[in-house]
Amino acid sequence: MVRMRVIVILLMGLLATGCGSAGSGEARAVEDARDNAREVAQRFYIYNARVYPAEFVAHNVADLNGVEVMSFTGRTTAGEGVRVVVRVSGVALKGGWVPGEQVTVMRCFELRFATSADVGDGEPRDVTCPPGGPRTFEPWPKTPEIPVDRLEEALPRVPVGGRVDVAEVRKAVGSVRLDPAIHREFKVKGDVVGGLLWIKPYLADALDCVLIRVAPGSTSVWVPSRAQRMIGEAGCDVDHAIDPMPPPH
């Protein structure tokens, strides 16, 4: 009888341990979900450095695998900024009666992106998931390509001692049938014709641009470095097609 009582007590202890392991397994899964949300906040911490539109921020977050944007508020990251509610999964091992059994949870967290944020402001805040499905976004606008190879093939080659005709250069560029959104500029200086083709990608920090230089004995087409194409820099300038800038150090 005493032996039977010991067995019952042991079984009750094992059951209690199993239940406790399941609970702690779920808690670990929730913490894993919080870590995943924290990684999202850290990945996009750059959005605290300058002003971005709310939808741009939310759209980029939604592009991450395993991250669903449930809602977002605010207009831009200026001041109080943008708050994005994300839904992420968390995984942990349950343990207990079935070793290796996995617990998966889905949890929502609010992330804040703001120019007024301090270094420690990236901690996800636990929130109740909003009703309904995740937000969807239109595809990103496509930036028309400036085809360097086709421009090189189309541009005239003027022999040494010859004369460069700006009208011929314009016609050659026109034959490539560029997207109408691509801006074109031409300039003549002495016996050199310079050309600039440029477009600003959607909310980008740098322009897409190509420089053209046609001179007797030399025809060149090139893309300035990204540092030179940054907005506010002078790399995308038709004057630098005629007199090229030195490469950045």
C-alpha atoms as a PDB file:
ATOM      1  CA  MET A   1       0.000   0.000   0.000  1.00  0.00           C
ATOM      2  CA  VAL A   2       2.840   2.342   0.888  1.00  0.00           C
ATOM      3  CA  ARG A   3       4.535   1.452  -2.395  1.00  0.00           C
ATOM      4  CA  MET A   4       1.367   2.283  -4.346  1.00  0.00           C
ATOM      5  CA  ARG A   5       1.123   5.649  -2.562  1.00  0.00           C
ATOM      6  CA  VAL A   6       4.731   6.458  -3.528  1.00  0.00           C
ATOM      7  CA  ILE A   7       3.990   5.643  -7.175  1.00  0.00           C
ATOM      8  CA  VAL A   8       0.914   7.894  -7.146  1.00  0.00           C
ATOM      9  CA  ILE A   9       2.926  10.748  -5.624  1.00  0.00           C
ATOM     10  CA  LEU A  10       5.644  10.298  -8.261  1.00  0.00           C
ATOM     11  CA  LEU A  11       3.062  10.334 -11.061  1.00  0.00           C
ATOM     12  CA  MET A  12       1.494  13.499  -9.689  1.00  0.00           C
ATOM     13  CA  GLY A  13       4.933  15.093  -9.552  1.00  0.00           C
ATOM     14  CA  LEU A  14       5.649  14.157 -13.151  1.00  0.00           C
ATOM     15  CA  LEU A  15       2.306  15.569 -14.263  1.00  0.00           C
ATOM     16  CA  ALA A  16       3.011  18.815 -12.457  1.00  0.00           C
ATOM     17  CA  THR A  17       6.461  18.982 -14.036  1.00  0.00           C
ATOM     18  CA  GLY A  18       4.979  18.358 -17.480  1.00  0.00           C
ATOM     19  CA  CYS A  19       2.432  21.138 -17.087  1.00  0.00           C
ATOM     20  CA  GLY A  20       5.079  23.509 -15.808  1.00  0.00           C
ATOM     21  CA  SER A  21       7.337  22.737 -18.758  1.00  0.00           C
ATOM     22  CA  ALA A  22       4.501  23.461 -21.188  1.00  0.00           C
ATOM     23  CA  GLY A  23       3.912  26.821 -19.552  1.00  0.00           C
ATOM     24  CA  SER A  24       7.576  27.758 -19.558  1.00  0.00           C
ATOM     25  CA  GLY A  25       7.828  26.570 -23.153  1.00  0.00           C
ATOM     26  CA  GLU A  26       5.126  29.034 -24.181  1.00  0.00           C
ATOM     27  CA  ALA A  27       6.845  31.792 -22.221  1.00  0.00           C
ATOM     28  CA  ARG A  28      10.093  31.065 -24.043  1.00  0.00           C
ATOM     29  CA  ALA A  29       8.245  31.130 -27.372  1.00  0.00           C
ATOM     30  CA  VAL A  30       6.785  34.543 -26.504  1.00  0.00           C
ATOM     31  CA  GLU A  31      10.266  35.785 -25.652  1.00  0.00           C
ATOM     32  CA  ASP A  32      11.509  34.446 -28.994  1.00  0.00           C
ATOM     33  CA  ALA A  33       8.746  36.411 -30.748  1.00  0.00           C
ATOM     34  CA  ARG A  34       9.803  39.517 -28.828  1.00  0.00           C
ATOM     35  CA  ASP A  35      13.409  38.969 -29.954  1.00  0.00           C
ATOM     36  CA  ASN A  36      12.214  38.750 -33.566  1.00  0.00           C
ATOM     37  CA  ALA A  37      10.329  42.034 -33.192  1.00  0.00           C
ATOM     38  CA  ARG A  38      13.405  43.597 -31.598  1.00  0.00           C
ATOM     39  CA  GLU A  39      15.486  42.553 -34.626  1.00  0.00           C
ATOM     40  CA  VAL A  40      13.010  44.364 -36.893  1.00  0.00           C
ATOM     41  CA  ALA A  41      13.344  47.539 -34.827  1.00  0.00           C
ATOM     42  CA  GLN A  42      17.139  47.313 -34.910  1.00  0.00           C
ATOM     43  CA  ARG A  43      17.231  46.618 -38.637  1.00  0.00           C
ATOM     44  CA  PHE A  44      15.301  49.790 -39.396  1.00  0.00           C
ATOM     45  CA  TYR A  45      16.859  51.977 -36.703  1.00  0.00           C
ATOM     46  CA  ILE A  46      18.111  54.211 -39.542  1.00  0.00           C
ATOM     47  CA  TYR A  47      14.543  55.510 -39.861  1.00  0.00           C
ATOM     48  CA  ASN A  48      15.174  57.438 -36.642  1.00  0.00           C
ATOM     49  CA  ALA A  49      17.900  59.455 -38.363  1.00  0.00           C
ATOM     50  CA  ARG A  50      15.808  61.408 -40.867  1.00  0.00           C
ATOM     51  CA  VAL A  51      12.224  62.027 -41.935  1.00  0.00           C
ATOM     52  CA  TYR A  52      10.455  59.232 -43.832  1.00  0.00           C
ATOM     53  CA  PRO A  53       6.739  58.854 -44.680  1.00  0.00           C
ATOM     54  CA  ALA A  54       4.783  56.429 -42.516  1.00  0.00           C
ATOM     55  CA  GLU A  55       3.698  54.209 -45.401  1.00  0.00           C
ATOM     56  CA  PHE A  56       7.293  53.945 -46.651  1.00  0.00           C
ATOM     57  CA  VAL A  57       8.398  52.705 -43.224  1.00  0.00           C
ATOM     58  CA  ALA A  58       5.510  50.248 -42.861  1.00  0.00           C
ATOM     59  CA  HIS A  59       5.939  48.954 -46.418  1.00  0.00           C
ATOM     60  CA  ASN A  60       9.631  48.176 -45.849  1.00  0.00           C
ATOM     61  CA  VAL A  61       8.851  46.405 -42.585  1.00  0.00           C
ATOM     62  CA  ALA A  62       6.146  44.339 -44.316  1.00  0.00           C
ATOM     63  CA  ASP A  63       8.667  43.243 -46.959  1.00  0.00           C
ATOM     64  CA  LEU A  64      10.579  41.216 -44.354  1.00  0.00           C
ATOM     65  CA  ASN A  65       9.973  37.470 -44.332  1.00  0.00           C
ATOM     66  CA  GLY A  66       7.971  36.326 -41.340  1.00  0.00           C
ATOM     67  CA  VAL A  67       6.780  39.827 -40.410  1.00  0.00           C
ATOM     68  CA  GLU A  68       3.193  41.024 -40.852  1.00  0.00           C
ATOM     69  CA  VAL A  69       2.254  44.684 -40.471  1.00  0.00           C
ATOM     70  CA  MET A  70      -1.138  44.799 -38.775  1.00  0.00           C
ATOM     71  CA  SER A  71      -1.447  48.589 -38.542  1.00  0.00           C
ATOM     72  CA  PHE A  72       0.560  51.803 -38.495  1.00  0.00           C
ATOM     73  CA  THR A  73      -0.107  55.321 -37.269  1.00  0.00           C
ATOM     74  CA  GLY A  74       1.521  58.707 -37.745  1.00  0.00           C
ATOM     75  CA  ARG A  75       2.395  60.654 -40.870  1.00  0.00           C
ATOM     76  CA  THR A  76       6.198  60.738 -40.832  1.00  0.00           C
ATOM     77  CA  THR A  77       9.088  59.812 -38.569  1.00  0.00           C
ATOM     78  CA  ALA A  78       9.439  63.472 -37.546  1.00  0.00           C
ATOM     79  CA  GLY A  79       8.752  64.320 -33.909  1.00  0.00           C
ATOM     80  CA  GLU A  80       6.676  61.614 -32.239  1.00  0.00           C
ATOM     81  CA  GLY A  81       7.115  59.557 -35.372  1.00  0.00           C
ATOM     82  CA  VAL A  82       5.480  56.424 -36.732  1.00  0.00           C
ATOM     83  CA  ARG A  83       4.177  53.467 -34.743  1.00  0.00           C
ATOM     84  CA  VAL A  84       3.990  50.128 -36.532  1.00  0.00           C
ATOM     85  CA  VAL A  85       2.219  47.098 -35.051  1.00  0.00           C
ATOM     86  CA  VAL A  86       3.834  43.892 -36.289  1.00  0.00           C
ATOM     87  CA  ARG A  87       2.781  40.281 -35.843  1.00  0.00           C
ATOM     88  CA  VAL A  88       5.614  37.778 -35.570  1.00  0.00           C
ATOM     89  CA  SER A  89       5.981  34.170 -34.516  1.00  0.00           C
ATOM     90  CA  GLY A  90       8.026  32.732 -31.697  1.00  0.00           C
ATOM     91  CA  VAL A  91       9.203  29.154 -31.266  1.00  0.00           C
ATOM     92  CA  ALA A  92      10.507  27.156 -28.301  1.00  0.00           C
ATOM     93  CA  LEU A  93      10.782  23.527 -27.184  1.00  0.00           C
ATOM     94  CA  LYS A  94       8.082  22.434 -24.764  1.00  0.00           C
ATOM     95  CA  GLY A  95       9.982  19.603 -23.075  1.00  0.00           C
ATOM     96  CA  GLY A  96       8.058  17.642 -20.466  1.00  0.00           C
ATOM     97  CA  TRP A  97       6.400  14.418 -21.595  1.00  0.00           C
ATOM     98  CA  VAL A  98       7.340  14.662 -25.260  1.00  0.00           C
ATOM     99  CA  PRO A  99      10.989  15.731 -25.582  1.00  0.00           C
ATOM    100  CA  GLY A 100      11.516  17.985 -28.568  1.00  0.00           C
ATOM    101  CA  GLU A 101       7.856  18.937 -28.972  1.00  0.00           C
ATOM    102  CA  GLN A 102       7.675  22.500 -30.281  1.00  0.00           C
ATOM    103  CA  VAL A 103       5.563  25.407 -29.099  1.00  0.00           C
ATOM    104  CA  THR A 104       4.752  28.142 -31.639  1.00  0.00           C
ATOM    105  CA  VAL A 105       3.019  31.399 -30.756  1.00  0.00           C
ATOM    106  CA  MET A 106       1.971  34.478 -32.727  1.00  0.00           C
ATOM    107  CA  ARG A 107       2.275  37.801 -30.928  1.00  0.00           C
ATOM    108  CA  CYS A 108       1.929  41.481 -31.805  1.00  0.00           C
ATOM    109  CA  PHE A 109       4.335  44.241 -30.828  1.00  0.00           C
ATOM    110  CA  GLU A 110       4.377  47.969 -31.427  1.00  0.00           C
ATOM    111  CA  LEU A 111       7.567  49.465 -32.858  1.00  0.00           C
ATOM    112  CA  ARG A 112       8.266  53.202 -32.861  1.00  0.00           C
ATOM    113  CA  PHE A 113      10.397  55.001 -35.438  1.00  0.00           C
ATOM    114  CA  ALA A 114      10.983  58.686 -34.733  1.00  0.00           C
ATOM    115  CA  THR A 115      13.644  61.335 -35.166  1.00  0.00           C
ATOM    116  CA  SER A 116      13.108  62.164 -31.488  1.00  0.00           C
ATOM    117  CA  ALA A 117      13.879  58.587 -30.389  1.00  0.00           C
ATOM    118  CA  ASP A 118      16.730  57.890 -28.002  1.00  0.00           C
ATOM    119  CA  VAL A 119      19.133  54.985 -28.351  1.00  0.00           C
ATOM    120  CA  GLY A 120      17.108  52.817 -25.957  1.00  0.00           C
ATOM    121  CA  ASP A 121      13.726  53.513 -27.559  1.00  0.00           C
ATOM    122  CA  GLY A 122      13.782  50.491 -29.873  1.00  0.00           C
ATOM    123  CA  GLU A 123      12.284  48.048 -27.366  1.00  0.00           C
ATOM    124  CA  PRO A 124       9.108  46.391 -28.747  1.00  0.00           C
ATOM    125  CA  ARG A 125       5.929  47.003 -26.740  1.00  0.00           C
ATOM    126  CA  ASP A 126       3.508  44.104 -26.237  1.00  0.00           C
ATOM    127  CA  VAL A 127       0.083  44.915 -27.691  1.00  0.00           C
ATOM    128  CA  THR A 128      -3.110  43.063 -28.544  1.00  0.00           C
ATOM    129  CA  CYS A 129      -3.235  42.132 -32.214  1.00  0.00           C
ATOM    130  CA  PRO A 130      -5.687  44.367 -34.114  1.00  0.00           C
ATOM    131  CA  PRO A 131      -8.702  42.599 -35.649  1.00  0.00           C
ATOM    132  CA  GLY A 132      -8.547  41.567 -39.278  1.00  0.00           C
ATOM    133  CA  GLY A 133      -5.711  40.515 -41.522  1.00  0.00           C
ATOM    134  CA  PRO A 134      -2.329  42.154 -42.128  1.00  0.00           C
ATOM    135  CA  ARG A 135      -1.998  45.319 -44.190  1.00  0.00           C
ATOM    136  CA  THR A 136      -1.172  44.985 -47.875  1.00  0.00           C
ATOM    137  CA  PHE A 137       0.772  47.463 -49.981  1.00  0.00           C
ATOM    138  CA  GLU A 138       0.992  48.293 -53.659  1.00  0.00           C
ATOM    139  CA  PRO A 139       4.198  47.126 -55.383  1.00  0.00           C
ATOM    140  CA  TRP A 140       7.074  49.588 -55.170  1.00  0.00           C
ATOM    141  CA  PRO A 141       7.238  52.005 -58.126  1.00  0.00           C
ATOM    142  CA  LYS A 142       9.753  50.756 -60.661  1.00  0.00           C
ATOM    143  CA  THR A 143      12.576  53.102 -61.615  1.00  0.00           C
ATOM    144  CA  PRO A 144      13.160  53.201 -65.383  1.00  0.00           C
ATOM    145  CA  GLU A 145      16.560  51.851 -66.349  1.00  0.00           C
ATOM    146  CA  ILE A 146      19.157  53.995 -68.115  1.00  0.00           C
ATOM    147  CA  PRO A 147      20.781  51.461 -70.491  1.00  0.00           C
ATOM    148  CA  VAL A 148      24.508  52.208 -70.531  1.00  0.00           C
ATOM    149  CA  ASP A 149      25.405  49.483 -73.067  1.00  0.00           C
ATOM    150  CA  ARG A 150      22.796  50.599 -75.598  1.00  0.00           C
ATOM    151  CA  LEU A 151      23.883  54.218 -75.255  1.00  0.00           C
ATOM    152  CA  GLU A 152      27.496  53.244 -75.910  1.00  0.00           C
ATOM    153  CA  GLU A 153      26.440  51.436 -79.083  1.00  0.00           C
ATOM    154  CA  ALA A 154      24.263  54.306 -80.323  1.00  0.00           C
ATOM    155  CA  LEU A 155      26.582  57.278 -79.748  1.00  0.00           C
ATOM    156  CA  PRO A 156      28.701  58.536 -82.634  1.00  0.00           C
ATOM    157  CA  ARG A 157      32.457  57.995 -82.870  1.00  0.00           C
ATOM    158  CA  VAL A 158      34.147  61.117 -84.185  1.00  0.00           C
ATOM    159  CA  PRO A 159      37.656  60.729 -85.601  1.00  0.00           C
ATOM    160  CA  VAL A 160      40.532  62.842 -84.346  1.00  0.00           C
ATOM    161  CA  GLY A 161      40.389  66.195 -86.102  1.00  0.00           C
ATOM    162  CA  GLY A 162      36.666  65.797 -86.797  1.00  0.00           C
ATOM    163  CA  ARG A 163      33.775  67.879 -85.470  1.00  0.00           C
ATOM    164  CA  VAL A 164      31.188  66.729 -82.952  1.00  0.00           C
ATOM    165  CA  ASP A 165      27.597  67.637 -83.824  1.00  0.00           C
ATOM    166  CA  VAL A 166      25.353  68.046 -80.753  1.00  0.00           C
ATOM    167  CA  ALA A 167      22.280  67.353 -82.895  1.00  0.00           C
ATOM    168  CA  GLU A 168      23.767  64.004 -83.874  1.00  0.00           C
ATOM    169  CA  VAL A 169      24.411  63.179 -80.212  1.00  0.00           C
ATOM    170  CA  ARG A 170      20.818  64.080 -79.299  1.00  0.00           C
ATOM    171  CA  LYS A 171      19.524  61.940 -82.157  1.00  0.00           C
ATOM    172  CA  ALA A 172      21.650  58.988 -81.043  1.00  0.00           C
ATOM    173  CA  VAL A 173      20.308  59.233 -77.489  1.00  0.00           C
ATOM    174  CA  GLY A 174      16.765  59.526 -78.853  1.00  0.00           C
ATOM    175  CA  SER A 175      17.220  56.339 -80.871  1.00  0.00           C
ATOM    176  CA  VAL A 176      17.624  54.385 -77.638  1.00  0.00           C
ATOM    177  CA  ARG A 177      13.982  55.216 -76.797  1.00  0.00           C
ATOM    178  CA  LEU A 178      14.478  56.054 -73.141  1.00  0.00           C
ATOM    179  CA  ASP A 179      11.572  56.202 -70.725  1.00  0.00           C
ATOM    180  CA  PRO A 180      10.008  59.708 -70.846  1.00  0.00           C
ATOM    181  CA  ALA A 181      10.599  60.031 -67.080  1.00  0.00           C
ATOM    182  CA  ILE A 182      14.372  60.123 -67.634  1.00  0.00           C
ATOM    183  CA  HIS A 183      15.665  63.696 -67.755  1.00  0.00           C
ATOM    184  CA  ARG A 184      18.122  64.689 -70.484  1.00  0.00           C
ATOM    185  CA  GLU A 185      20.590  67.561 -70.565  1.00  0.00           C
ATOM    186  CA  PHE A 186      23.232  68.413 -73.161  1.00  0.00           C
ATOM    187  CA  LYS A 187      25.992  70.977 -73.221  1.00  0.00           C
ATOM    188  CA  VAL A 188      28.693  71.984 -75.692  1.00  0.00           C
ATOM    189  CA  LYS A 189      32.108  73.281 -74.675  1.00  0.00           C
ATOM    190  CA  GLY A 190      34.653  73.764 -77.418  1.00  0.00           C
ATOM    191  CA  ASP A 191      34.808  70.565 -79.439  1.00  0.00           C
ATOM    192  CA  VAL A 192      33.234  68.436 -76.679  1.00  0.00           C
ATOM    193  CA  VAL A 193      29.559  67.542 -76.231  1.00  0.00           C
ATOM    194  CA  GLY A 194      28.496  66.468 -72.755  1.00  0.00           C
ATOM    195  CA  GLY A 195      25.250  64.759 -71.855  1.00  0.00           C
ATOM    196  CA  LEU A 196      23.463  63.911 -68.625  1.00  0.00           C
ATOM    197  CA  LEU A 197      20.633  61.402 -68.222  1.00  0.00           C
ATOM    198  CA  TRP A 198      19.111  61.149 -64.758  1.00  0.00           C
ATOM    199  CA  ILE A 199      16.124  60.075 -62.706  1.00  0.00           C
ATOM    200  CA  LYS A 200      15.419  60.048 -58.979  1.00  0.00           C
ATOM    201  CA  PRO A 201      14.274  56.650 -57.685  1.00  0.00           C
ATOM    202  CA  TYR A 202      11.342  56.658 -55.287  1.00  0.00           C
ATOM    203  CA  LEU A 203      12.451  58.075 -51.910  1.00  0.00           C
ATOM    204  CA  ALA A 204      16.101  57.250 -52.640  1.00  0.00           C
ATOM    205  CA  ASP A 205      19.123  59.062 -51.242  1.00  0.00           C
ATOM    206  CA  ALA A 206      20.995  58.919 -54.547  1.00  0.00           C
ATOM    207  CA  LEU A 207      20.103  59.714 -58.143  1.00  0.00           C
ATOM    208  CA  ASP A 208      20.386  57.237 -60.988  1.00  0.00           C
ATOM    209  CA  CYS A 209      22.424  59.038 -63.620  1.00  0.00           C
ATOM    210  CA  VAL A 210      24.642  58.411 -66.611  1.00  0.00           C
ATOM    211  CA  LEU A 211      27.159  60.844 -68.087  1.00  0.00           C
ATOM    212  CA  ILE A 212      28.015  61.031 -71.782  1.00  0.00           C
ATOM    213  CA  ARG A 213      31.100  62.626 -73.318  1.00  0.00           C
ATOM    214  CA  VAL A 214      31.662  62.773 -77.067  1.00  0.00           C
ATOM    215  CA  ALA A 215      34.859  64.376 -78.344  1.00  0.00           C
ATOM    216  CA  PRO A 216      37.062  63.889 -81.411  1.00  0.00           C
ATOM    217  CA  GLY A 217      38.801  60.560 -80.919  1.00  0.00           C
ATOM    218  CA  SER A 218      36.877  59.632 -77.765  1.00  0.00           C
ATOM    219  CA  THR A 219      33.327  58.617 -76.821  1.00  0.00           C
ATOM    220  CA  SER A 220      32.599  57.728 -73.194  1.00  0.00           C
ATOM    221  CA  VAL A 221      29.559  56.674 -71.175  1.00  0.00           C
ATOM    222  CA  TRP A 222      29.801  56.091 -67.416  1.00  0.00           C
ATOM    223  CA  VAL A 223      27.945  56.038 -64.120  1.00  0.00           C
ATOM    224  CA  PRO A 224      29.395  58.186 -61.312  1.00  0.00           C
ATOM    225  CA  SER A 225      30.062  56.531 -57.973  1.00  0.00           C
ATOM    226  CA  ARG A 226      27.212  56.340 -55.487  1.00  0.00           C
ATOM    227  CA  ALA A 227      28.954  58.911 -53.267  1.00  0.00           C
ATOM    228  CA  GLN A 228      28.996  61.355 -56.189  1.00  0.00           C
ATOM    229  CA  ARG A 229      25.336  60.604 -57.002  1.00  0.00           C
ATOM    230  CA  MET A 230      24.054  61.343 -53.509  1.00  0.00           C
ATOM    231  CA  ILE A 231      21.485  64.129 -53.429  1.00  0.00           C
ATOM    232  CA  GLY A 232      23.306  67.371 -52.718  1.00  0.00           C
ATOM    233  CA  GLU A 233      26.532  66.210 -54.367  1.00  0.00           C
ATOM    234  CA  ALA A 234      27.598  67.389 -57.812  1.00  0.00           C
ATOM    235  CA  GLY A 235      28.284  64.078 -59.524  1.00  0.00           C
ATOM    236  CA  CYS A 236      25.133  64.165 -61.666  1.00  0.00           C
ATOM    237  CA  ASP A 237      25.930  67.402 -63.467  1.00  0.00           C
ATOM    238  CA  VAL A 238      26.320  67.897 -67.205  1.00  0.00           C
ATOM    239  CA  ASP A 239      29.432  70.023 -66.580  1.00  0.00           C
ATOM    240  CA  HIS A 240      31.119  66.937 -65.150  1.00  0.00           C
ATOM    241  CA  ALA A 241      30.346  65.077 -68.350  1.00  0.00           C
ATOM    242  CA  ILE A 242      32.569  67.556 -70.168  1.00  0.00           C
ATOM    243  CA  ASP A 243      35.192  67.829 -67.406  1.00  0.00           C
ATOM    244  CA  PRO A 244      34.903  64.564 -65.419  1.00  0.00           C
ATOM    245  CA  MET A 245      35.247  64.635 -61.632  1.00  0.00           C
ATOM    246  CA  PRO A 246      38.102  62.662 -60.096  1.00  0.00           C
ATOM    247  CA  PRO A 247      36.995  59.474 -58.333  1.00  0.00           C
ATOM    248  CA  PRO A 248      36.243  59.862 -54.598  1.00  0.00           C
ATOM    249  CA  HIS A 249      39.012  58.943 -52.173  1.00  0.00           C
END
